[in-house]
Amino acid sequence: MKRYLLLFALFLCALTRTPSAQSQALSLPRQKPVTCSANGSPQTSCYFLMPPNSTAFLFARFSASGQVTGSRGETWTRDQCVTFTGDCEFHANFGNFCSPSCLAGDTLAFSGDQFTDVIILVYDGTWNFDAGNFGTYANQNSVFPDCTNGGDCPYAWTLPIETEAGALIHSWGESCPPNSGGVIRPGPGFTLEARSTCLFVEDMIAPTTGVYIGSWMGRNADGTESGGGHWLAGVAAYKRQVNQQ
């Protein structure tokens, strides 16, 4: 009898200690990522589907004057950029525009100087930007004996951000062939969600309130180091509206 009581107590403890694990399934991308090209000005080849009460996130290289416009009239906000390359994350919130079971299409157009790769991820719920940061050249390679400051390094990480438990965290970077383009190994706690020719995106749900960094490592298929570095890495955290848990 004592054994069963102990197992029951452990079960209750697990339920009370893992709210982030229970909510994580609701916070992962709800469909396959969309990859497209932003070549041309404007171009309209980026088409994706979204349900009501969802948030779309877009990753692309843009200049400071670059803009994204959608055919549904939604507002795209540029939240965080990697200063060396200009790889940026945008987001747009979509409200309750139809019944819960419907899907609506959106076609995107771009202006300004942009990279050829675009990645779009859609998540359930309304998410709002909380904090962001990026990697720099400032001695971040000095801790690794096989890396030189200002040069390529297979390890990449950002400066830190602080966010709350349950936040959605994205980290992104680029690894373009033929100089790199190797196998991306996501950092601790992250899942590699999408990759195009150059760009890639990883995500996680913050298990606890605290300080986080975006991180990843690039290796070629044969295990040798691929190019890249921390100056290509970005990170951003988003909080979900509490009335949509």
C-alpha atoms as a PDB file:
ATOM      1  CA  MET A   1       0.000   0.000   0.000  1.00  0.00           C
ATOM      2  CA  LYS A   2       2.830   2.372   0.867  1.00  0.00           C
ATOM      3  CA  ARG A   3       4.337   1.710  -2.547  1.00  0.00           C
ATOM      4  CA  TYR A   4       1.134   2.808  -4.318  1.00  0.00           C
ATOM      5  CA  LEU A   5       0.841   5.900  -2.153  1.00  0.00           C
ATOM      6  CA  LEU A   6       4.420   6.814  -3.010  1.00  0.00           C
ATOM      7  CA  LEU A   7       3.803   6.364  -6.751  1.00  0.00           C
ATOM      8  CA  PHE A   8       0.643   8.481  -6.541  1.00  0.00           C
ATOM      9  CA  ALA A   9       2.540  11.236  -4.724  1.00  0.00           C
ATOM     10  CA  LEU A  10       5.256  11.204  -7.389  1.00  0.00           C
ATOM     11  CA  PHE A  11       2.592  11.414 -10.108  1.00  0.00           C
ATOM     12  CA  LEU A  12       0.987  14.467  -8.492  1.00  0.00           C
ATOM     13  CA  CYS A  13       4.406  16.047  -8.105  1.00  0.00           C
ATOM     14  CA  ALA A  14       5.128  15.564 -11.792  1.00  0.00           C
ATOM     15  CA  LEU A  15       1.858  17.208 -12.755  1.00  0.00           C
ATOM     16  CA  THR A  16       2.551  20.274 -10.650  1.00  0.00           C
ATOM     17  CA  ARG A  17       6.173  20.661 -11.746  1.00  0.00           C
ATOM     18  CA  THR A  18       5.806  20.507 -15.535  1.00  0.00           C
ATOM     19  CA  PRO A  19       3.420  23.238 -16.724  1.00  0.00           C
ATOM     20  CA  SER A  20       5.782  24.190 -19.568  1.00  0.00           C
ATOM     21  CA  ALA A  21       5.857  20.620 -20.856  1.00  0.00           C
ATOM     22  CA  GLN A  22       2.067  20.494 -20.887  1.00  0.00           C
ATOM     23  CA  SER A  23       1.802  23.770 -22.793  1.00  0.00           C
ATOM     24  CA  GLN A  24       4.704  23.125 -25.173  1.00  0.00           C
ATOM     25  CA  ALA A  25       2.649  20.992 -27.555  1.00  0.00           C
ATOM     26  CA  LEU A  26       0.347  23.969 -28.079  1.00  0.00           C
ATOM     27  CA  SER A  27       3.292  26.201 -28.880  1.00  0.00           C
ATOM     28  CA  LEU A  28       5.161  24.248 -31.517  1.00  0.00           C
ATOM     29  CA  PRO A  29       4.673  25.120 -35.202  1.00  0.00           C
ATOM     30  CA  ARG A  30       1.283  23.842 -36.315  1.00  0.00           C
ATOM     31  CA  GLN A  31       2.346  22.968 -39.857  1.00  0.00           C
ATOM     32  CA  LYS A  32       5.387  22.511 -42.043  1.00  0.00           C
ATOM     33  CA  PRO A  33       7.513  25.650 -42.423  1.00  0.00           C
ATOM     34  CA  VAL A  34       7.238  27.610 -45.657  1.00  0.00           C
ATOM     35  CA  THR A  35      10.425  28.546 -47.477  1.00  0.00           C
ATOM     36  CA  CYS A  36      10.452  30.919 -50.424  1.00  0.00           C
ATOM     37  CA  SER A  37      12.489  33.593 -52.149  1.00  0.00           C
ATOM     38  CA  ALA A  38      12.343  37.342 -51.696  1.00  0.00           C
ATOM     39  CA  ASN A  39      14.150  38.187 -54.934  1.00  0.00           C
ATOM     40  CA  GLY A  40      12.714  41.064 -56.917  1.00  0.00           C
ATOM     41  CA  SER A  41      10.967  44.256 -55.842  1.00  0.00           C
ATOM     42  CA  PRO A  42       8.222  43.578 -55.206  1.00  0.00           C
ATOM     43  CA  GLN A  43       7.760  39.816 -55.529  1.00  0.00           C
ATOM     44  CA  THR A  44       4.777  37.806 -54.387  1.00  0.00           C
ATOM     45  CA  SER A  45       5.857  34.163 -54.389  1.00  0.00           C
ATOM     46  CA  CYS A  46       5.654  33.705 -50.611  1.00  0.00           C
ATOM     47  CA  TYR A  47       2.268  32.152 -49.903  1.00  0.00           C
ATOM     48  CA  PHE A  48       1.259  30.418 -46.674  1.00  0.00           C
ATOM     49  CA  LEU A  49      -1.843  29.327 -44.743  1.00  0.00           C
ATOM     50  CA  MET A  50      -2.788  30.353 -41.232  1.00  0.00           C
ATOM     51  CA  PRO A  51      -5.667  29.556 -38.863  1.00  0.00           C
ATOM     52  CA  PRO A  52      -7.484  32.191 -36.800  1.00  0.00           C
ATOM     53  CA  ASN A  53      -5.886  33.328 -33.543  1.00  0.00           C
ATOM     54  CA  SER A  54      -2.371  32.487 -34.686  1.00  0.00           C
ATOM     55  CA  THR A  55       0.984  34.217 -35.079  1.00  0.00           C
ATOM     56  CA  ALA A  56       3.251  33.979 -38.110  1.00  0.00           C
ATOM     57  CA  PHE A  57       7.016  34.487 -37.820  1.00  0.00           C
ATOM     58  CA  LEU A  58       9.193  35.377 -40.789  1.00  0.00           C
ATOM     59  CA  PHE A  59      12.981  35.157 -41.051  1.00  0.00           C
ATOM     60  CA  ALA A  60      14.867  36.856 -43.881  1.00  0.00           C
ATOM     61  CA  ARG A  61      17.772  39.165 -44.665  1.00  0.00           C
ATOM     62  CA  PHE A  62      16.544  42.736 -44.981  1.00  0.00           C
ATOM     63  CA  SER A  63      18.054  46.196 -45.035  1.00  0.00           C
ATOM     64  CA  ALA A  64      16.961  48.789 -42.471  1.00  0.00           C
ATOM     65  CA  SER A  65      14.372  50.048 -44.953  1.00  0.00           C
ATOM     66  CA  GLY A  66      13.022  46.615 -45.851  1.00  0.00           C
ATOM     67  CA  GLN A  67       9.297  46.022 -45.376  1.00  0.00           C
ATOM     68  CA  VAL A  68       6.902  43.094 -45.532  1.00  0.00           C
ATOM     69  CA  THR A  69       3.273  43.480 -46.603  1.00  0.00           C
ATOM     70  CA  GLY A  70       0.588  40.809 -46.645  1.00  0.00           C
ATOM     71  CA  SER A  71      -2.455  40.417 -48.851  1.00  0.00           C
ATOM     72  CA  ARG A  72      -4.724  40.263 -45.775  1.00  0.00           C
ATOM     73  CA  GLY A  73      -3.591  43.692 -44.586  1.00  0.00           C
ATOM     74  CA  GLU A  74      -1.851  42.414 -41.456  1.00  0.00           C
ATOM     75  CA  THR A  75       0.990  44.332 -39.795  1.00  0.00           C
ATOM     76  CA  TRP A  76       4.461  42.775 -39.885  1.00  0.00           C
ATOM     77  CA  THR A  77       6.797  44.054 -37.173  1.00  0.00           C
ATOM     78  CA  ARG A  78      10.577  43.729 -37.437  1.00  0.00           C
ATOM     79  CA  ASP A  79      11.623  42.583 -33.950  1.00  0.00           C
ATOM     80  CA  GLN A  80      15.313  41.644 -34.030  1.00  0.00           C
ATOM     81  CA  CYS A  81      18.124  41.650 -36.580  1.00  0.00           C
ATOM     82  CA  VAL A  82      21.635  40.243 -36.697  1.00  0.00           C
ATOM     83  CA  THR A  83      23.713  43.345 -37.269  1.00  0.00           C
ATOM     84  CA  PHE A  84      26.467  41.784 -39.369  1.00  0.00           C
ATOM     85  CA  THR A  85      24.222  40.153 -41.959  1.00  0.00           C
ATOM     86  CA  GLY A  86      20.853  41.843 -41.441  1.00  0.00           C
ATOM     87  CA  ASP A  87      19.073  38.515 -40.958  1.00  0.00           C
ATOM     88  CA  CYS A  88      15.885  39.612 -39.210  1.00  0.00           C
ATOM     89  CA  GLU A  89      12.849  38.146 -37.504  1.00  0.00           C
ATOM     90  CA  PHE A  90       9.394  39.620 -38.130  1.00  0.00           C
ATOM     91  CA  HIS A  91       6.025  38.614 -36.708  1.00  0.00           C
ATOM     92  CA  ALA A  92       2.353  39.243 -37.478  1.00  0.00           C
ATOM     93  CA  ASN A  93      -0.688  38.414 -35.345  1.00  0.00           C
ATOM     94  CA  PHE A  94      -3.874  37.094 -36.953  1.00  0.00           C
ATOM     95  CA  GLY A  95      -7.115  37.428 -35.012  1.00  0.00           C
ATOM     96  CA  ASN A  96     -10.351  35.483 -35.068  1.00  0.00           C
ATOM     97  CA  PHE A  97     -11.151  36.120 -38.733  1.00  0.00           C
ATOM     98  CA  CYS A  98     -13.216  32.965 -39.286  1.00  0.00           C
ATOM     99  CA  SER A  99     -14.458  29.803 -37.589  1.00  0.00           C
ATOM    100  CA  PRO A 100     -11.884  27.788 -35.604  1.00  0.00           C
ATOM    101  CA  SER A 101     -11.629  25.086 -38.274  1.00  0.00           C
ATOM    102  CA  CYS A 102     -10.866  27.334 -41.245  1.00  0.00           C
ATOM    103  CA  LEU A 103      -7.573  28.200 -42.896  1.00  0.00           C
ATOM    104  CA  ALA A 104      -6.892  31.399 -44.831  1.00  0.00           C
ATOM    105  CA  GLY A 105      -4.157  32.123 -47.357  1.00  0.00           C
ATOM    106  CA  ASP A 106      -1.794  35.075 -47.292  1.00  0.00           C
ATOM    107  CA  THR A 107       0.584  36.254 -50.018  1.00  0.00           C
ATOM    108  CA  LEU A 108       3.588  38.333 -49.020  1.00  0.00           C
ATOM    109  CA  ALA A 109       5.409  41.060 -50.929  1.00  0.00           C
ATOM    110  CA  PHE A 110       8.766  42.586 -50.026  1.00  0.00           C
ATOM    111  CA  SER A 111      10.501  45.919 -50.540  1.00  0.00           C
ATOM    112  CA  GLY A 112      14.071  46.986 -49.884  1.00  0.00           C
ATOM    113  CA  ASP A 113      17.327  45.072 -50.179  1.00  0.00           C
ATOM    114  CA  GLN A 114      16.658  41.494 -49.148  1.00  0.00           C
ATOM    115  CA  PHE A 115      18.291  38.106 -49.057  1.00  0.00           C
ATOM    116  CA  THR A 116      17.059  35.293 -51.295  1.00  0.00           C
ATOM    117  CA  ASP A 117      15.901  33.060 -48.429  1.00  0.00           C
ATOM    118  CA  VAL A 118      12.681  33.483 -46.453  1.00  0.00           C
ATOM    119  CA  ILE A 119      11.337  31.121 -43.765  1.00  0.00           C
ATOM    120  CA  ILE A 120       7.794  31.358 -42.360  1.00  0.00           C
ATOM    121  CA  LEU A 121       6.622  29.534 -39.222  1.00  0.00           C
ATOM    122  CA  VAL A 122       3.045  29.651 -37.868  1.00  0.00           C
ATOM    123  CA  TYR A 123       2.152  29.033 -34.207  1.00  0.00           C
ATOM    124  CA  ASP A 124      -1.193  28.834 -32.430  1.00  0.00           C
ATOM    125  CA  GLY A 125      -2.030  31.765 -30.170  1.00  0.00           C
ATOM    126  CA  THR A 126      -1.082  35.415 -30.056  1.00  0.00           C
ATOM    127  CA  TRP A 127       2.594  35.960 -29.291  1.00  0.00           C
ATOM    128  CA  ASN A 128       4.191  39.351 -28.613  1.00  0.00           C
ATOM    129  CA  PHE A 129       7.875  40.287 -28.737  1.00  0.00           C
ATOM    130  CA  ASP A 130       9.612  40.340 -25.345  1.00  0.00           C
ATOM    131  CA  ALA A 131      13.393  40.513 -25.840  1.00  0.00           C
ATOM    132  CA  GLY A 132      16.064  39.968 -28.466  1.00  0.00           C
ATOM    133  CA  ASN A 133      19.818  39.988 -29.020  1.00  0.00           C
ATOM    134  CA  PHE A 134      22.538  38.904 -31.466  1.00  0.00           C
ATOM    135  CA  GLY A 135      26.138  37.752 -31.706  1.00  0.00           C
ATOM    136  CA  THR A 136      29.073  40.115 -32.200  1.00  0.00           C
ATOM    137  CA  TYR A 137      32.768  40.068 -33.075  1.00  0.00           C
ATOM    138  CA  ALA A 138      33.682  41.169 -29.525  1.00  0.00           C
ATOM    139  CA  ASN A 139      36.114  38.411 -28.466  1.00  0.00           C
ATOM    140  CA  GLN A 140      33.432  35.729 -28.591  1.00  0.00           C
ATOM    141  CA  ASN A 141      35.775  33.301 -30.348  1.00  0.00           C
ATOM    142  CA  SER A 142      38.579  33.598 -27.812  1.00  0.00           C
ATOM    143  CA  VAL A 143      37.340  30.744 -25.608  1.00  0.00           C
ATOM    144  CA  PHE A 144      37.791  28.147 -28.362  1.00  0.00           C
ATOM    145  CA  PRO A 145      41.343  27.121 -29.328  1.00  0.00           C
ATOM    146  CA  ASP A 146      40.258  26.208 -32.881  1.00  0.00           C
ATOM    147  CA  CYS A 147      38.634  29.597 -33.560  1.00  0.00           C
ATOM    148  CA  THR A 148      40.101  33.029 -34.217  1.00  0.00           C
ATOM    149  CA  ASN A 149      38.389  36.307 -33.409  1.00  0.00           C
ATOM    150  CA  GLY A 150      37.030  37.808 -36.599  1.00  0.00           C
ATOM    151  CA  GLY A 151      37.183  34.485 -38.448  1.00  0.00           C
ATOM    152  CA  ASP A 152      34.882  31.567 -39.121  1.00  0.00           C
ATOM    153  CA  CYS A 153      33.984  29.332 -36.208  1.00  0.00           C
ATOM    154  CA  PRO A 154      31.578  26.361 -36.194  1.00  0.00           C
ATOM    155  CA  TYR A 155      30.220  27.393 -32.787  1.00  0.00           C
ATOM    156  CA  ALA A 156      27.767  30.271 -32.697  1.00  0.00           C
ATOM    157  CA  TRP A 157      25.983  31.935 -29.840  1.00  0.00           C
ATOM    158  CA  THR A 158      24.326  35.235 -29.076  1.00  0.00           C
ATOM    159  CA  LEU A 159      24.512  37.712 -26.270  1.00  0.00           C
ATOM    160  CA  PRO A 160      21.927  36.879 -23.570  1.00  0.00           C
ATOM    161  CA  ILE A 161      18.280  37.774 -23.142  1.00  0.00           C
ATOM    162  CA  GLU A 162      16.033  37.530 -20.079  1.00  0.00           C
ATOM    163  CA  THR A 163      12.516  36.164 -20.392  1.00  0.00           C
ATOM    164  CA  GLU A 164       9.807  34.284 -18.489  1.00  0.00           C
ATOM    165  CA  ALA A 165       8.838  30.630 -18.229  1.00  0.00           C
ATOM    166  CA  GLY A 166       6.612  29.607 -21.146  1.00  0.00           C
ATOM    167  CA  ALA A 167       8.132  32.115 -23.580  1.00  0.00           C
ATOM    168  CA  LEU A 168       8.695  31.025 -27.169  1.00  0.00           C
ATOM    169  CA  ILE A 169      12.372  31.504 -28.054  1.00  0.00           C
ATOM    170  CA  HIS A 170      13.702  31.529 -31.600  1.00  0.00           C
ATOM    171  CA  SER A 171      17.347  31.415 -32.574  1.00  0.00           C
ATOM    172  CA  TRP A 172      18.430  31.724 -36.195  1.00  0.00           C
ATOM    173  CA  GLY A 173      21.485  32.033 -38.377  1.00  0.00           C
ATOM    174  CA  GLU A 174      22.821  31.161 -41.787  1.00  0.00           C
ATOM    175  CA  SER A 175      25.207  28.607 -43.210  1.00  0.00           C
ATOM    176  CA  CYS A 176      25.446  28.981 -46.963  1.00  0.00           C
ATOM    177  CA  PRO A 177      27.133  26.559 -49.377  1.00  0.00           C
ATOM    178  CA  PRO A 178      29.672  26.039 -50.771  1.00  0.00           C
ATOM    179  CA  ASN A 179      31.790  27.602 -48.012  1.00  0.00           C
ATOM    180  CA  SER A 180      29.608  26.065 -45.321  1.00  0.00           C
ATOM    181  CA  GLY A 181      26.109  24.625 -45.427  1.00  0.00           C
ATOM    182  CA  GLY A 182      26.900  21.771 -43.092  1.00  0.00           C
ATOM    183  CA  VAL A 183      24.780  19.919 -40.560  1.00  0.00           C
ATOM    184  CA  ILE A 184      23.311  22.313 -37.992  1.00  0.00           C
ATOM    185  CA  ARG A 185      23.338  20.998 -34.435  1.00  0.00           C
ATOM    186  CA  PRO A 186      20.933  23.052 -32.300  1.00  0.00           C
ATOM    187  CA  GLY A 187      21.922  24.399 -28.902  1.00  0.00           C
ATOM    188  CA  PRO A 188      20.739  22.944 -25.572  1.00  0.00           C
ATOM    189  CA  GLY A 189      16.950  22.914 -25.317  1.00  0.00           C
ATOM    190  CA  PHE A 190      16.421  23.968 -28.943  1.00  0.00           C
ATOM    191  CA  THR A 191      14.806  22.040 -31.807  1.00  0.00           C
ATOM    192  CA  LEU A 192      15.820  22.720 -35.410  1.00  0.00           C
ATOM    193  CA  GLU A 193      12.480  23.621 -37.011  1.00  0.00           C
ATOM    194  CA  ALA A 194      13.313  24.867 -40.496  1.00  0.00           C
ATOM    195  CA  ARG A 195      16.117  25.272 -42.986  1.00  0.00           C
ATOM    196  CA  SER A 196      16.379  26.756 -46.450  1.00  0.00           C
ATOM    197  CA  THR A 197      19.455  27.117 -48.661  1.00  0.00           C
ATOM    198  CA  CYS A 198      21.184  29.385 -46.158  1.00  0.00           C
ATOM    199  CA  LEU A 199      18.885  30.301 -43.292  1.00  0.00           C
ATOM    200  CA  PHE A 200      17.808  28.033 -40.463  1.00  0.00           C
ATOM    201  CA  VAL A 201      15.615  28.486 -37.381  1.00  0.00           C
ATOM    202  CA  GLU A 202      15.512  26.650 -34.056  1.00  0.00           C
ATOM    203  CA  ASP A 203      12.990  27.108 -31.248  1.00  0.00           C
ATOM    204  CA  MET A 204      12.192  26.179 -27.666  1.00  0.00           C
ATOM    205  CA  ILE A 205       9.724  26.937 -24.893  1.00  0.00           C
ATOM    206  CA  ALA A 206      11.527  28.471 -21.910  1.00  0.00           C
ATOM    207  CA  PRO A 207      11.181  25.966 -19.055  1.00  0.00           C
ATOM    208  CA  THR A 208      11.796  28.579 -16.381  1.00  0.00           C
ATOM    209  CA  THR A 209      12.217  32.326 -15.947  1.00  0.00           C
ATOM    210  CA  GLY A 210      15.823  33.253 -16.500  1.00  0.00           C
ATOM    211  CA  VAL A 211      18.608  34.191 -18.910  1.00  0.00           C
ATOM    212  CA  TYR A 212      18.947  32.453 -22.299  1.00  0.00           C
ATOM    213  CA  ILE A 213      21.234  32.564 -25.314  1.00  0.00           C
ATOM    214  CA  GLY A 214      20.732  31.317 -28.833  1.00  0.00           C
ATOM    215  CA  SER A 215      23.386  28.789 -29.822  1.00  0.00           C
ATOM    216  CA  TRP A 216      24.210  26.215 -32.500  1.00  0.00           C
ATOM    217  CA  MET A 217      27.121  24.447 -34.133  1.00  0.00           C
ATOM    218  CA  GLY A 218      27.813  23.706 -37.784  1.00  0.00           C
ATOM    219  CA  ARG A 219      29.491  20.512 -38.951  1.00  0.00           C
ATOM    220  CA  ASN A 220      29.855  19.014 -42.404  1.00  0.00           C
ATOM    221  CA  ALA A 221      28.437  15.587 -43.126  1.00  0.00           C
ATOM    222  CA  ASP A 222      31.883  14.048 -42.653  1.00  0.00           C
ATOM    223  CA  GLY A 223      32.237  15.608 -39.210  1.00  0.00           C
ATOM    224  CA  THR A 224      34.628  18.402 -40.186  1.00  0.00           C
ATOM    225  CA  GLU A 225      33.895  21.969 -39.181  1.00  0.00           C
ATOM    226  CA  SER A 226      31.737  24.151 -41.384  1.00  0.00           C
ATOM    227  CA  GLY A 227      31.998  27.903 -41.644  1.00  0.00           C
ATOM    228  CA  GLY A 228      29.882  30.433 -39.864  1.00  0.00           C
ATOM    229  CA  GLY A 229      30.094  32.136 -36.539  1.00  0.00           C
ATOM    230  CA  HIS A 230      28.452  34.034 -33.752  1.00  0.00           C
ATOM    231  CA  TRP A 231      28.108  37.193 -35.848  1.00  0.00           C
ATOM    232  CA  LEU A 232      25.479  35.277 -37.851  1.00  0.00           C
ATOM    233  CA  ALA A 233      23.364  34.326 -34.808  1.00  0.00           C
ATOM    234  CA  GLY A 234      20.201  36.001 -33.516  1.00  0.00           C
ATOM    235  CA  VAL A 235      17.739  35.251 -30.714  1.00  0.00           C
ATOM    236  CA  ALA A 236      14.288  36.566 -29.786  1.00  0.00           C
ATOM    237  CA  ALA A 237      11.712  35.686 -27.120  1.00  0.00           C
ATOM    238  CA  TYR A 238       7.940  36.073 -27.336  1.00  0.00           C
ATOM    239  CA  LYS A 239       5.274  35.935 -24.629  1.00  0.00           C
ATOM    240  CA  ARG A 240       1.877  34.400 -25.275  1.00  0.00           C
ATOM    241  CA  GLN A 241      -1.247  36.311 -24.294  1.00  0.00           C
ATOM    242  CA  VAL A 242      -2.539  34.764 -21.089  1.00  0.00           C
ATOM    243  CA  ASN A 243      -6.166  34.735 -22.250  1.00  0.00           C
ATOM    244  CA  GLN A 244      -5.233  32.272 -25.026  1.00  0.00           C
ATOM    245  CA  GLN A 245      -3.586  29.506 -22.997  1.00  0.00           C
END
